[in-house]
Amino acid sequence: MKTVAEIYLILGITLTGRPFRPSDWAERLCGALASYDSTGRWVYSDHAQPVIHQGQIGVRVEKVLHEINPAAYQFMMQFAFNYQLRILPEGEVICLEQVIEARKIVLPEQKLTFAV
């Protein structure tokens, strides 16, 4: 039996317990994968989104991003490694003979709008 994480949370806390700066780091990091939708709104990728986890700013990264865009996944994880940020596994799946359903984190859709 082994456990596989389906979602990782990169938290804005270093391994020494200090808050990571600047405070908008999560939006900047996720902005690398964001795009404009058909209405011209800035939307984050479904696979990498800024979140607040237990009062801490973080980034939710789905492991499926590794299959869809390996370079983007590597970029996210390398960022966390370089700045010694905490990475928490979320939504784990226990692999036996068959895959058992994972706990699913449901987050509201996040969109940014800019006034021109």
Protein backbone atom coordinates (compact mmCIF):
# COMPACT_ATOMS: atom_id res chain seq x y z
CA MET A 1 0.00 0.00 0.00
CA LYS A 2 1.35 3.44 -0.91
CA THR A 3 -0.01 6.96 -0.76
CA VAL A 4 0.10 9.36 -3.69
CA ALA A 5 -0.58 13.08 -3.28
CA GLU A 6 -2.90 14.49 -5.94
CA ILE A 7 -2.66 18.09 -4.77
CA TYR A 8 0.19 19.99 -3.14
CA LEU A 9 -0.04 23.17 -1.10
CA ILE A 10 2.99 25.43 -1.24
CA LEU A 11 2.76 27.67 1.81
CA GLY A 12 4.34 31.09 2.22
CA ILE A 13 6.24 29.94 5.30
CA THR A 14 9.92 29.03 5.06
CA LEU A 15 11.31 25.92 6.67
CA THR A 16 12.68 28.16 9.44
CA GLY A 17 9.14 29.46 10.15
CA ARG A 18 9.51 32.94 8.65
CA PRO A 19 6.83 34.43 6.35
CA PHE A 20 7.85 34.62 2.71
CA ARG A 21 7.84 38.07 1.12
CA PRO A 22 6.53 39.84 -0.92
CA SER A 23 3.00 39.24 0.33
CA ASP A 24 1.62 38.86 -3.22
CA TRP A 25 4.04 36.07 -4.16
CA ALA A 26 1.24 33.52 -4.67
CA GLU A 27 -0.62 35.71 -7.17
CA ARG A 28 2.62 36.42 -9.02
CA LEU A 29 3.56 32.73 -9.17
CA CYS A 30 0.11 31.64 -10.36
CA GLY A 31 0.06 34.53 -12.81
CA ALA A 32 2.71 32.66 -14.80
CA LEU A 33 -0.01 30.15 -15.78
CA ALA A 34 -2.99 32.53 -15.87
CA SER A 35 -4.67 33.76 -19.04
CA TYR A 36 -7.54 35.89 -20.25
CA ASP A 37 -10.90 34.21 -20.79
CA SER A 38 -13.35 34.96 -23.60
CA THR A 39 -14.74 37.98 -21.74
CA GLY A 40 -11.29 39.49 -21.19
CA ARG A 41 -11.06 38.56 -17.52
CA TRP A 42 -7.81 37.35 -16.00
CA VAL A 43 -8.29 33.79 -14.71
CA TYR A 44 -5.92 31.45 -12.94
CA SER A 45 -5.23 27.97 -14.24
CA ASP A 46 -7.40 25.18 -12.86
CA HIS A 47 -4.17 23.43 -11.85
CA ALA A 48 -2.36 26.21 -9.93
CA GLN A 49 -4.28 28.74 -7.84
CA PRO A 50 -3.48 31.07 -4.95
CA VAL A 51 -5.25 30.05 -1.74
CA ILE A 52 -5.34 30.81 1.96
CA HIS A 53 -4.81 27.69 4.07
CA GLN A 54 -5.31 28.05 7.82
CA GLY A 55 -4.56 31.77 7.60
CA GLN A 56 -1.42 31.30 5.48
CA ILE A 57 -1.02 32.45 1.88
CA GLY A 58 -0.22 29.58 -0.44
CA VAL A 59 -0.50 28.02 -3.86
CA ARG A 60 -2.56 24.93 -4.63
CA VAL A 61 -0.84 22.84 -7.33
CA GLU A 62 -2.50 19.78 -8.83
CA LYS A 63 -0.14 16.94 -9.71
CA VAL A 64 -1.93 16.53 -13.05
CA LEU A 65 -0.06 19.69 -14.10
CA HIS A 66 3.05 17.51 -14.31
CA GLU A 67 1.41 15.51 -17.10
CA ILE A 68 -0.16 18.48 -18.88
CA ASN A 69 2.74 20.92 -18.64
CA PRO A 70 5.89 19.40 -17.09
CA ALA A 71 7.87 22.65 -17.40
CA ALA A 72 5.24 24.63 -15.47
CA TYR A 73 5.05 21.97 -12.75
CA GLN A 74 8.83 21.93 -12.45
CA PHE A 75 8.84 25.75 -12.28
CA MET A 76 6.34 25.76 -9.38
CA MET A 77 8.14 23.07 -7.40
CA GLN A 78 11.59 24.54 -8.08
CA PHE A 79 10.34 27.92 -6.82
CA ALA A 80 9.22 26.30 -3.56
CA PHE A 81 12.52 24.44 -3.24
CA ASN A 82 14.70 27.48 -4.01
CA TYR A 83 12.97 29.64 -1.40
CA GLN A 84 12.64 26.75 1.11
CA LEU A 85 8.86 27.00 1.31
CA ARG A 86 6.77 24.37 3.05
CA ILE A 87 4.98 21.91 0.78
CA LEU A 88 2.01 19.99 2.18
CA PRO A 89 0.42 17.01 0.42
CA GLU A 90 -3.37 17.31 0.17
CA GLY A 91 -6.00 15.07 -1.38
CA GLU A 92 -4.03 11.87 -0.96
CA VAL A 93 -5.03 8.64 -2.65
CA ILE A 94 -4.22 5.24 -1.13
CA CYS A 95 -3.16 2.82 -3.86
CA LEU A 96 -4.05 -0.81 -3.23
CA GLU A 97 -5.26 -3.12 -5.99
CA GLN A 98 -7.58 -0.34 -7.14
CA VAL A 99 -7.49 3.42 -6.78
CA ILE A 100 -9.74 4.70 -4.01
CA GLU A 101 -11.40 8.11 -4.40
CA ALA A 102 -9.37 11.08 -3.17
CA ARG A 103 -10.61 13.77 -0.86
CA LYS A 104 -11.45 16.69 -3.07
CA ILE A 105 -10.75 20.30 -2.19
CA VAL A 106 -13.43 22.50 -3.70
CA LEU A 107 -12.40 26.10 -4.09
CA PRO A 108 -14.47 28.95 -5.50
CA GLU A 109 -13.52 30.07 -8.98
CA GLN A 110 -11.15 32.99 -8.75
CA LYS A 111 -11.22 35.75 -11.34
CA LEU A 112 -9.50 39.08 -11.39
CA THR A 113 -11.00 42.07 -13.12
CA PHE A 114 -9.24 45.28 -13.90
CA ALA A 115 -10.91 48.60 -14.46
CA VAL A 116 -9.65 50.40 -17.53
